[in-house]
């Protein structure tokens, strides 16, 4: 069993809210999670970490930015849509 310090942020969130967790997690982007909003029950992702993770998964920087802009940053999947923290470099 993992200790609290060995758990990912996603695992910590899931442990904190085991029964009634309406939070939405983006697939394959757990390393980009930086926290959560416990009032609105929304996961918070770092925009720069999402871009980095997409690059790590095999996209070049331009593809990763475009994928992020069209498929993640503008996505709305209901009231628990994850929050994207615009940190780091602004991609224009």
PDB file of N, CA and C in Angstrom:
ATOM      1  N   UNK A   1       0.841  -1.193   0.000  1.00  0.00           N
ATOM      2  CA  UNK A   1       0.000   0.000   0.000  1.00  0.00           C
ATOM      3  C   UNK A   1       0.877   1.244   0.000  1.00  0.00           C
ATOM      4  N   UNK A   2       0.486   2.224  -0.780  1.00  0.00           N
ATOM      5  CA  UNK A   2       1.239   3.475  -0.864  1.00  0.00           C
ATOM      6  C   UNK A   2       0.945   4.360   0.347  1.00  0.00           C
ATOM      7  N   UNK A   3       1.964   5.095   0.776  1.00  0.00           N
ATOM      8  CA  UNK A   3       1.733   6.098   1.806  1.00  0.00           C
ATOM      9  C   UNK A   3       1.188   7.343   1.136  1.00  0.00           C
ATOM     10  N   UNK A   4       0.680   8.278   1.914  1.00  0.00           N
ATOM     11  CA  UNK A   4       0.127   9.520   1.352  1.00  0.00           C
ATOM     12  C   UNK A   4       1.135  10.254   0.488  1.00  0.00           C
ATOM     13  N   UNK A   5       2.403  10.222   0.855  1.00  0.00           N
ATOM     14  CA  UNK A   5       3.412  10.942   0.084  1.00  0.00           C
ATOM     15  C   UNK A   5       3.738  10.247  -1.238  1.00  0.00           C
ATOM     16  N   UNK A   6       3.357   8.976  -1.376  1.00  0.00           N
ATOM     17  CA  UNK A   6       3.612   8.236  -2.612  1.00  0.00           C
ATOM     18  C   UNK A   6       2.424   8.286  -3.572  1.00  0.00           C
ATOM     19  N   UNK A   7       1.290   8.758  -3.111  1.00  0.00           N
ATOM     20  CA  UNK A   7       0.103   8.811  -3.955  1.00  0.00           C
ATOM     21  C   UNK A   7       0.210   9.951  -4.956  1.00  0.00           C
ATOM     22  N   UNK A   8      -0.359   9.753  -6.136  1.00  0.00           N
ATOM     23  CA  UNK A   8      -0.441  10.850  -7.094  1.00  0.00           C
ATOM     24  C   UNK A   8      -1.501  11.826  -6.607  1.00  0.00           C
ATOM     25  N   UNK A   9      -1.515  13.004  -7.181  1.00  0.00           N
ATOM     26  CA  UNK A   9      -2.543  13.976  -6.797  1.00  0.00           C
ATOM     27  C   UNK A   9      -3.926  13.400  -7.096  1.00  0.00           C
ATOM     28  N   UNK A  10      -4.078  12.723  -8.227  1.00  0.00           N
ATOM     29  CA  UNK A  10      -5.373  12.117  -8.561  1.00  0.00           C
ATOM     30  C   UNK A  10      -5.781  11.098  -7.500  1.00  0.00           C
ATOM     31  N   UNK A  11      -4.851  10.254  -7.091  1.00  0.00           N
ATOM     32  CA  UNK A  11      -5.163   9.248  -6.069  1.00  0.00           C
ATOM     33  C   UNK A  11      -5.546   9.915  -4.749  1.00  0.00           C
ATOM     34  N   UNK A  12      -4.859  11.005  -4.410  1.00  0.00           N
ATOM     35  CA  UNK A  12      -5.212  11.740  -3.190  1.00  0.00           C
ATOM     36  C   UNK A  12      -6.625  12.305  -3.285  1.00  0.00           C
ATOM     37  N   UNK A  13      -6.971  12.874  -4.434  1.00  0.00           N
ATOM     38  CA  UNK A  13      -8.320  13.420  -4.624  1.00  0.00           C
ATOM     39  C   UNK A  13      -9.352  12.303  -4.505  1.00  0.00           C
ATOM     40  N   UNK A  14      -9.089  11.183  -5.166  1.00  0.00           N
ATOM     41  CA  UNK A  14     -10.031  10.060  -5.111  1.00  0.00           C
ATOM     42  C   UNK A  14     -10.174   9.517  -3.698  1.00  0.00           C
ATOM     43  N   UNK A  15      -9.085   9.535  -2.907  1.00  0.00           N
ATOM     44  CA  UNK A  15      -9.156   9.092  -1.510  1.00  0.00           C
ATOM     45  C   UNK A  15      -9.939  10.067  -0.649  1.00  0.00           C
ATOM     46  N   UNK A  16      -9.803  11.366  -0.925  1.00  0.00           N
ATOM     47  CA  UNK A  16     -10.512  12.377  -0.137  1.00  0.00           C
ATOM     48  C   UNK A  16     -12.026  12.345  -0.371  1.00  0.00           C
ATOM     49  N   UNK A  17     -12.424  11.988  -1.583  1.00  0.00           N
ATOM     50  CA  UNK A  17     -13.840  11.990  -1.955  1.00  0.00           C
ATOM     51  C   UNK A  17     -14.223  10.634  -2.553  1.00  0.00           C
ATOM     52  N   UNK A  18     -14.186   9.566  -1.749  1.00  0.00           N
ATOM     53  CA  UNK A  18     -14.378   8.223  -2.311  1.00  0.00           C
ATOM     54  C   UNK A  18     -15.799   7.899  -2.761  1.00  0.00           C
ATOM     55  N   UNK A  19     -16.794   8.436  -2.094  1.00  0.00           N
ATOM     56  CA  UNK A  19     -18.174   8.032  -2.373  1.00  0.00           C
ATOM     57  C   UNK A  19     -18.888   8.926  -3.371  1.00  0.00           C
ATOM     58  N   UNK A  20     -18.793  10.203  -3.166  1.00  0.00           N
ATOM     59  CA  UNK A  20     -19.527  11.142  -4.011  1.00  0.00           C
ATOM     60  C   UNK A  20     -18.542  12.055  -4.719  1.00  0.00           C
ATOM     61  N   UNK A  21     -17.839  11.500  -5.691  1.00  0.00           N
ATOM     62  CA  UNK A  21     -16.839  12.279  -6.401  1.00  0.00           C
ATOM     63  C   UNK A  21     -17.289  12.519  -7.841  1.00  0.00           C
ATOM     64  N   UNK A  22     -17.900  13.670  -8.092  1.00  0.00           N
ATOM     65  CA  UNK A  22     -18.340  13.975  -9.449  1.00  0.00           C
ATOM     66  C   UNK A  22     -17.242  14.572 -10.319  1.00  0.00           C
ATOM     67  N   UNK A  23     -16.019  14.679  -9.766  1.00  0.00           N
ATOM     68  CA  UNK A  23     -14.940  15.331 -10.496  1.00  0.00           C
ATOM     69  C   UNK A  23     -14.625  14.574 -11.783  1.00  0.00           C
ATOM     70  N   UNK A  24     -14.276  15.339 -12.805  1.00  0.00           N
ATOM     71  CA  UNK A  24     -13.929  14.781 -14.110  1.00  0.00           C
ATOM     72  C   UNK A  24     -12.418  14.877 -14.278  1.00  0.00           C
ATOM     73  N   UNK A  25     -11.823  13.782 -14.696  1.00  0.00           N
ATOM     74  CA  UNK A  25     -10.386  13.734 -14.949  1.00  0.00           C
ATOM     75  C   UNK A  25     -10.161  13.550 -16.444  1.00  0.00           C
ATOM     76  N   UNK A  26      -9.229  14.324 -17.018  1.00  0.00           N
ATOM     77  CA  UNK A  26      -8.871  14.137 -18.423  1.00  0.00           C
ATOM     78  C   UNK A  26      -8.022  12.875 -18.528  1.00  0.00           C
ATOM     79  N   UNK A  27      -8.258  12.067 -19.561  1.00  0.00           N
ATOM     80  CA  UNK A  27      -7.507  10.829 -19.772  1.00  0.00           C
ATOM     81  C   UNK A  27      -6.033  11.116 -20.043  1.00  0.00           C
ATOM     82  N   UNK A  28      -5.182  10.320 -19.420  1.00  0.00           N
ATOM     83  CA  UNK A  28      -3.735  10.335 -19.657  1.00  0.00           C
ATOM     84  C   UNK A  28      -3.053  11.661 -19.324  1.00  0.00           C
ATOM     85  N   UNK A  29      -3.660  12.456 -18.451  1.00  0.00           N
ATOM     86  CA  UNK A  29      -3.056  13.739 -18.083  1.00  0.00           C
ATOM     87  C   UNK A  29      -2.911  13.911 -16.572  1.00  0.00           C
ATOM     88  N   UNK A  30      -2.820  12.798 -15.861  1.00  0.00           N
ATOM     89  CA  UNK A  30      -2.721  12.873 -14.402  1.00  0.00           C
ATOM     90  C   UNK A  30      -1.496  13.654 -13.928  1.00  0.00           C
ATOM     91  N   UNK A  31      -0.405  13.614 -14.689  1.00  0.00           N
ATOM     92  CA  UNK A  31       0.798  14.345 -14.279  1.00  0.00           C
ATOM     93  C   UNK A  31       0.627  15.858 -14.387  1.00  0.00           C
ATOM     94  N   UNK A  32      -0.440  16.311 -15.033  1.00  0.00           N
ATOM     95  CA  UNK A  32      -0.696  17.750 -15.180  1.00  0.00           C
ATOM     96  C   UNK A  32      -1.651  18.284 -14.112  1.00  0.00           C
ATOM     97  N   UNK A  33      -2.156  17.410 -13.242  1.00  0.00           N
ATOM     98  CA  UNK A  33      -3.047  17.854 -12.160  1.00  0.00           C
ATOM     99  C   UNK A  33      -2.225  18.598 -11.116  1.00  0.00           C
ATOM    100  N   UNK A  34      -2.722  19.779 -10.732  1.00  0.00           N
ATOM    101  CA  UNK A  34      -2.023  20.553  -9.697  1.00  0.00           C
ATOM    102  C   UNK A  34      -2.882  20.772  -8.458  1.00  0.00           C
ATOM    103  N   UNK A  35      -4.126  20.321  -8.484  1.00  0.00           N
ATOM    104  CA  UNK A  35      -4.976  20.480  -7.318  1.00  0.00           C
ATOM    105  C   UNK A  35      -6.436  20.278  -7.650  1.00  0.00           C
ATOM    106  N   UNK A  36      -7.289  20.810  -6.766  1.00  0.00           N
ATOM    107  CA  UNK A  36      -8.731  20.689  -6.967  1.00  0.00           C
ATOM    108  C   UNK A  36      -9.441  21.825  -6.250  1.00  0.00           C
ATOM    109  N   UNK A  37     -10.655  22.087  -6.690  1.00  0.00           N
ATOM    110  CA  UNK A  37     -11.528  23.081  -6.058  1.00  0.00           C
ATOM    111  C   UNK A  37     -12.591  22.291  -5.313  1.00  0.00           C
ATOM    112  N   UNK A  38     -12.512  22.284  -3.991  1.00  0.00           N
ATOM    113  CA  UNK A  38     -13.453  21.473  -3.212  1.00  0.00           C
ATOM    114  C   UNK A  38     -14.831  22.108  -3.071  1.00  0.00           C
ATOM    115  N   UNK A  39     -14.966  23.356  -3.448  1.00  0.00           N
ATOM    116  CA  UNK A  39     -16.288  24.005  -3.422  1.00  0.00           C
ATOM    117  C   UNK A  39     -17.112  23.616  -4.649  1.00  0.00           C
ATOM    118  N   UNK A  40     -16.471  23.652  -5.818  1.00  0.00           N
ATOM    119  CA  UNK A  40     -17.158  23.323  -7.065  1.00  0.00           C
ATOM    120  C   UNK A  40     -16.916  21.879  -7.494  1.00  0.00           C
ATOM    121  N   UNK A  41     -16.064  21.166  -6.737  1.00  0.00           N
ATOM    122  CA  UNK A  41     -15.711  19.771  -7.036  1.00  0.00           C
ATOM    123  C   UNK A  41     -15.157  19.649  -8.464  1.00  0.00           C
ATOM    124  N   UNK A  42     -14.085  20.402  -8.699  1.00  0.00           N
ATOM    125  CA  UNK A  42     -13.441  20.407 -10.019  1.00  0.00           C
ATOM    126  C   UNK A  42     -11.941  20.196  -9.866  1.00  0.00           C
ATOM    127  N   UNK A  43     -11.387  19.375 -10.735  1.00  0.00           N
ATOM    128  CA  UNK A  43      -9.946  19.136 -10.771  1.00  0.00           C
ATOM    129  C   UNK A  43      -9.287  20.341 -11.444  1.00  0.00           C
ATOM    130  N   UNK A  44      -8.082  20.694 -10.986  1.00  0.00           N
ATOM    131  CA  UNK A  44      -7.341  21.812 -11.561  1.00  0.00           C
ATOM    132  C   UNK A  44      -6.095  21.269 -12.255  1.00  0.00           C
ATOM    133  N   UNK A  45      -5.946  21.638 -13.523  1.00  0.00           N
ATOM    134  CA  UNK A  45      -4.799  21.228 -14.331  1.00  0.00           C
ATOM    135  C   UNK A  45      -3.954  22.440 -14.684  1.00  0.00           C
ATOM    136  N   UNK A  46      -2.659  22.221 -14.841  1.00  0.00           N
ATOM    137  CA  UNK A  46      -1.714  23.240 -15.300  1.00  0.00           C
ATOM    138  C   UNK A  46      -1.662  23.193 -16.815  1.00  0.00           C
ATOM    139  N   UNK A  47      -1.872  24.327 -17.474  1.00  0.00           N
ATOM    140  CA  UNK A  47      -1.814  24.351 -18.938  1.00  0.00           C
ATOM    141  C   UNK A  47      -0.427  23.962 -19.446  1.00  0.00           C
ATOM    142  N   UNK A  48       0.616  24.462 -18.799  1.00  0.00           N
ATOM    143  CA  UNK A  48       1.974  24.137 -19.267  1.00  0.00           C
ATOM    144  C   UNK A  48       2.302  22.662 -19.047  1.00  0.00           C
ATOM    145  N   UNK A  49       1.807  22.089 -17.964  1.00  0.00           N
ATOM    146  CA  UNK A  49       2.048  20.668 -17.724  1.00  0.00           C
ATOM    147  C   UNK A  49       1.260  19.801 -18.704  1.00  0.00           C
ATOM    148  N   UNK A  50       0.078  20.254 -19.099  1.00  0.00           N
ATOM    149  CA  UNK A  50      -0.685  19.518 -20.122  1.00  0.00           C
ATOM    150  C   UNK A  50       0.103  19.498 -21.425  1.00  0.00           C
ATOM    151  N   UNK A  51       0.618  20.663 -21.846  1.00  0.00           N
ATOM    152  CA  UNK A  51       1.410  20.750 -23.081  1.00  0.00           C
ATOM    153  C   UNK A  51       2.624  19.828 -22.978  1.00  0.00           C
ATOM    154  N   UNK A  52       3.320  19.883 -21.853  1.00  0.00           N
ATOM    155  CA  UNK A  52       4.496  19.032 -21.654  1.00  0.00           C
ATOM    156  C   UNK A  52       4.120  17.551 -21.735  1.00  0.00           C
ATOM    157  N   UNK A  53       2.999  17.182 -21.126  1.00  0.00           N
ATOM    158  CA  UNK A  53       2.576  15.782 -21.142  1.00  0.00           C
ATOM    159  C   UNK A  53       2.211  15.327 -22.550  1.00  0.00           C
ATOM    160  N   UNK A  54       1.538  16.170 -23.313  1.00  0.00           N
ATOM    161  CA  UNK A  54       1.201  15.827 -24.697  1.00  0.00           C
ATOM    162  C   UNK A  54       2.466  15.638 -25.541  1.00  0.00           C
ATOM    163  N   UNK A  55       3.471  16.470 -25.301  1.00  0.00           N
ATOM    164  CA  UNK A  55       4.751  16.322 -25.997  1.00  0.00           C
ATOM    165  C   UNK A  55       5.406  15.002 -25.582  1.00  0.00           C
ATOM    166  N   UNK A  56       5.374  14.712 -24.289  1.00  0.00           N
ATOM    167  CA  UNK A  56       5.936  13.458 -23.779  1.00  0.00           C
ATOM    168  C   UNK A  56       5.235  12.243 -24.399  1.00  0.00           C
ATOM    169  N   UNK A  57       3.959  12.387 -24.720  1.00  0.00           N
ATOM    170  CA  UNK A  57       3.197  11.294 -25.316  1.00  0.00           C
ATOM    171  C   UNK A  57       3.437  11.158 -26.824  1.00  0.00           C
ATOM    172  N   UNK A  58       4.257  12.045 -27.410  1.00  0.00           N
ATOM    173  CA  UNK A  58       4.646  11.871 -28.795  1.00  0.00           C
ATOM    174  C   UNK A  58       4.303  12.991 -29.759  1.00  0.00           C
ATOM    175  N   UNK A  59       3.600  14.009 -29.306  1.00  0.00           N
ATOM    176  CA  UNK A  59       3.296  15.139 -30.187  1.00  0.00           C
ATOM    177  C   UNK A  59       4.477  16.100 -30.207  1.00  0.00           C
ATOM    178  N   UNK A  60       4.628  16.829 -31.326  1.00  0.00           N
ATOM    179  CA  UNK A  60       5.611  17.909 -31.287  1.00  0.00           C
ATOM    180  C   UNK A  60       4.932  19.099 -30.609  1.00  0.00           C
ATOM    181  N   UNK A  61       5.692  20.157 -30.352  1.00  0.00           N
ATOM    182  CA  UNK A  61       5.144  21.282 -29.595  1.00  0.00           C
ATOM    183  C   UNK A  61       3.935  21.918 -30.291  1.00  0.00           C
ATOM    184  N   UNK A  62       4.030  22.107 -31.592  1.00  0.00           N
ATOM    185  CA  UNK A  62       2.918  22.721 -32.329  1.00  0.00           C
ATOM    186  C   UNK A  62       1.657  21.853 -32.264  1.00  0.00           C
ATOM    187  N   UNK A  63       1.813  20.547 -32.437  1.00  0.00           N
ATOM    188  CA  UNK A  63       0.666  19.633 -32.346  1.00  0.00           C
ATOM    189  C   UNK A  63       0.069  19.643 -30.943  1.00  0.00           C
ATOM    190  N   UNK A  64       0.936  19.650 -29.937  1.00  0.00           N
ATOM    191  CA  UNK A  64       0.469  19.639 -28.549  1.00  0.00           C
ATOM    192  C   UNK A  64      -0.323  20.899 -28.220  1.00  0.00           C
ATOM    193  N   UNK A  65       0.166  22.035 -28.670  1.00  0.00           N
ATOM    194  CA  UNK A  65      -0.537  23.303 -28.418  1.00  0.00           C
ATOM    195  C   UNK A  65      -1.892  23.297 -29.125  1.00  0.00           C
ATOM    196  N   UNK A  66      -1.896  22.861 -30.382  1.00  0.00           N
ATOM    197  CA  UNK A  66      -3.156  22.824 -31.130  1.00  0.00           C
ATOM    198  C   UNK A  66      -4.146  21.859 -30.488  1.00  0.00           C
ATOM    199  N   UNK A  67      -3.682  20.671 -30.098  1.00  0.00           N
ATOM    200  CA  UNK A  67      -4.561  19.685 -29.444  1.00  0.00           C
ATOM    201  C   UNK A  67      -5.133  20.266 -28.151  1.00  0.00           C
ATOM    202  N   UNK A  68      -4.260  20.886 -27.366  1.00  0.00           N
ATOM    203  CA  UNK A  68      -4.684  21.511 -26.113  1.00  0.00           C
ATOM    204  C   UNK A  68      -5.752  22.568 -26.359  1.00  0.00           C
ATOM    205  N   UNK A  69      -5.502  23.468 -27.311  1.00  0.00           N
ATOM    206  CA  UNK A  69      -6.436  24.569 -27.568  1.00  0.00           C
ATOM    207  C   UNK A  69      -7.801  24.089 -28.043  1.00  0.00           C
ATOM    208  N   UNK A  70      -7.844  23.092 -28.928  1.00  0.00           N
ATOM    209  CA  UNK A  70      -9.100  22.670 -29.536  1.00  0.00           C
ATOM    210  C   UNK A  70      -9.825  21.558 -28.790  1.00  0.00           C
ATOM    211  N   UNK A  71      -9.090  20.767 -28.000  1.00  0.00           N
ATOM    212  CA  UNK A  71      -9.717  19.607 -27.369  1.00  0.00           C
ATOM    213  C   UNK A  71      -9.788  19.672 -25.855  1.00  0.00           C
ATOM    214  N   UNK A  72      -9.020  20.540 -25.249  1.00  0.00           N
ATOM    215  CA  UNK A  72      -8.995  20.584 -23.786  1.00  0.00           C
ATOM    216  C   UNK A  72      -9.380  21.956 -23.259  1.00  0.00           C
ATOM    217  N   UNK A  73      -8.667  22.984 -23.704  1.00  0.00           N
ATOM    218  CA  UNK A  73      -8.858  24.325 -23.144  1.00  0.00           C
ATOM    219  C   UNK A  73     -10.269  24.861 -23.361  1.00  0.00           C
ATOM    220  N   UNK A  74     -10.873  24.544 -24.476  1.00  0.00           N
ATOM    221  CA  UNK A  74     -12.218  25.069 -24.760  1.00  0.00           C
ATOM    222  C   UNK A  74     -13.321  24.053 -24.469  1.00  0.00           C
ATOM    223  N   UNK A  75     -12.959  22.913 -23.918  1.00  0.00           N
ATOM    224  CA  UNK A  75     -13.954  21.866 -23.656  1.00  0.00           C
ATOM    225  C   UNK A  75     -14.854  22.234 -22.479  1.00  0.00           C
ATOM    226  N   UNK A  76     -16.127  21.907 -22.627  1.00  0.00           N
ATOM    227  CA  UNK A  76     -17.077  22.019 -21.520  1.00  0.00           C
ATOM    228  C   UNK A  76     -17.861  20.722 -21.479  1.00  0.00           C
ATOM    229  N   UNK A  77     -17.727  19.996 -20.379  1.00  0.00           N
ATOM    230  CA  UNK A  77     -18.413  18.713 -20.245  1.00  0.00           C
ATOM    231  C   UNK A  77     -19.332  18.687 -19.025  1.00  0.00           C
ATOM    232  N   UNK A  78     -19.841  19.863 -18.678  1.00  0.00           N
ATOM    233  CA  UNK A  78     -20.753  19.961 -17.554  1.00  0.00           C
ATOM    234  C   UNK A  78     -20.173  20.778 -16.414  1.00  0.00           C
ATOM    235  N   UNK A  79     -20.942  20.858 -15.354  1.00  0.00           N
ATOM    236  CA  UNK A  79     -20.567  21.735 -14.241  1.00  0.00           C
ATOM    237  C   UNK A  79     -19.271  21.322 -13.534  1.00  0.00           C
ATOM    238  N   UNK A  80     -18.807  20.115 -13.747  1.00  0.00           N
ATOM    239  CA  UNK A  80     -17.573  19.660 -13.104  1.00  0.00           C
ATOM    240  C   UNK A  80     -16.405  19.587 -14.087  1.00  0.00           C
ATOM    241  N   UNK A  81     -16.536  20.321 -15.209  1.00  0.00           N
ATOM    242  CA  UNK A  81     -15.438  20.406 -16.175  1.00  0.00           C
ATOM    243  C   UNK A  81     -14.179  20.873 -15.444  1.00  0.00           C
ATOM    244  N   UNK A  82     -13.056  20.206 -15.671  1.00  0.00           N
ATOM    245  CA  UNK A  82     -11.824  20.628 -14.993  1.00  0.00           C
ATOM    246  C   UNK A  82     -11.468  22.097 -15.270  1.00  0.00           C
ATOM    247  N   UNK A  83     -10.795  22.681 -14.294  1.00  0.00           N
ATOM    248  CA  UNK A  83     -10.292  24.041 -14.400  1.00  0.00           C
ATOM    249  C   UNK A  83      -8.891  23.972 -15.001  1.00  0.00           C
ATOM    250  N   UNK A  84      -8.616  24.831 -15.956  1.00  0.00           N
ATOM    251  CA  UNK A  84      -7.285  24.908 -16.547  1.00  0.00           C
ATOM    252  C   UNK A  84      -6.613  26.176 -16.030  1.00  0.00           C
ATOM    253  N   UNK A  85      -5.553  26.014 -15.265  1.00  0.00           N
ATOM    254  CA  UNK A  85      -4.773  27.140 -14.757  1.00  0.00           C
ATOM    255  C   UNK A  85      -3.793  27.553 -15.842  1.00  0.00           C
ATOM    256  N   UNK A  86      -3.966  28.762 -16.342  1.00  0.00           N
ATOM    257  CA  UNK A  86      -3.089  29.271 -17.405  1.00  0.00           C
ATOM    258  C   UNK A  86      -1.803  29.757 -16.759  1.00  0.00           C
ATOM    259  N   UNK A  87      -0.844  28.861 -16.695  1.00  0.00           N
ATOM    260  CA  UNK A  87       0.441  29.196 -16.095  1.00  0.00           C
ATOM    261  C   UNK A  87       1.552  29.101 -17.145  1.00  0.00           C
ATOM    262  N   UNK A  88       2.699  29.594 -16.834  1.00  0.00           N
ATOM    263  CA  UNK A  88       3.816  29.480 -17.761  1.00  0.00           C
ATOM    264  C   UNK A  88       3.634  30.340 -18.994  1.00  0.00           C
ATOM    265  N   UNK A  89       4.105  29.828 -20.108  1.00  0.00           N
ATOM    266  CA  UNK A  89       4.094  30.556 -21.378  1.00  0.00           C
ATOM    267  C   UNK A  89       2.690  30.594 -21.959  1.00  0.00           C
ATOM    268  N   UNK A  90       2.294  31.767 -22.450  1.00  0.00           N
ATOM    269  CA  UNK A  90       1.026  31.872 -23.159  1.00  0.00           C
ATOM    270  C   UNK A  90       1.255  31.482 -24.602  1.00  0.00           C
ATOM    271  N   UNK A  91       0.435  30.558 -25.099  1.00  0.00           N
ATOM    272  CA  UNK A  91       0.567  30.090 -26.470  1.00  0.00           C
ATOM    273  C   UNK A  91      -0.404  30.862 -27.331  1.00  0.00           C
ATOM    274  N   UNK A  92       0.103  31.590 -28.299  1.00  0.00           N
ATOM    275  CA  UNK A  92      -0.742  32.395 -29.170  1.00  0.00           C
ATOM    276  C   UNK A  92      -0.766  31.839 -30.559  1.00  0.00           C
TER     277      UNK A  92
END
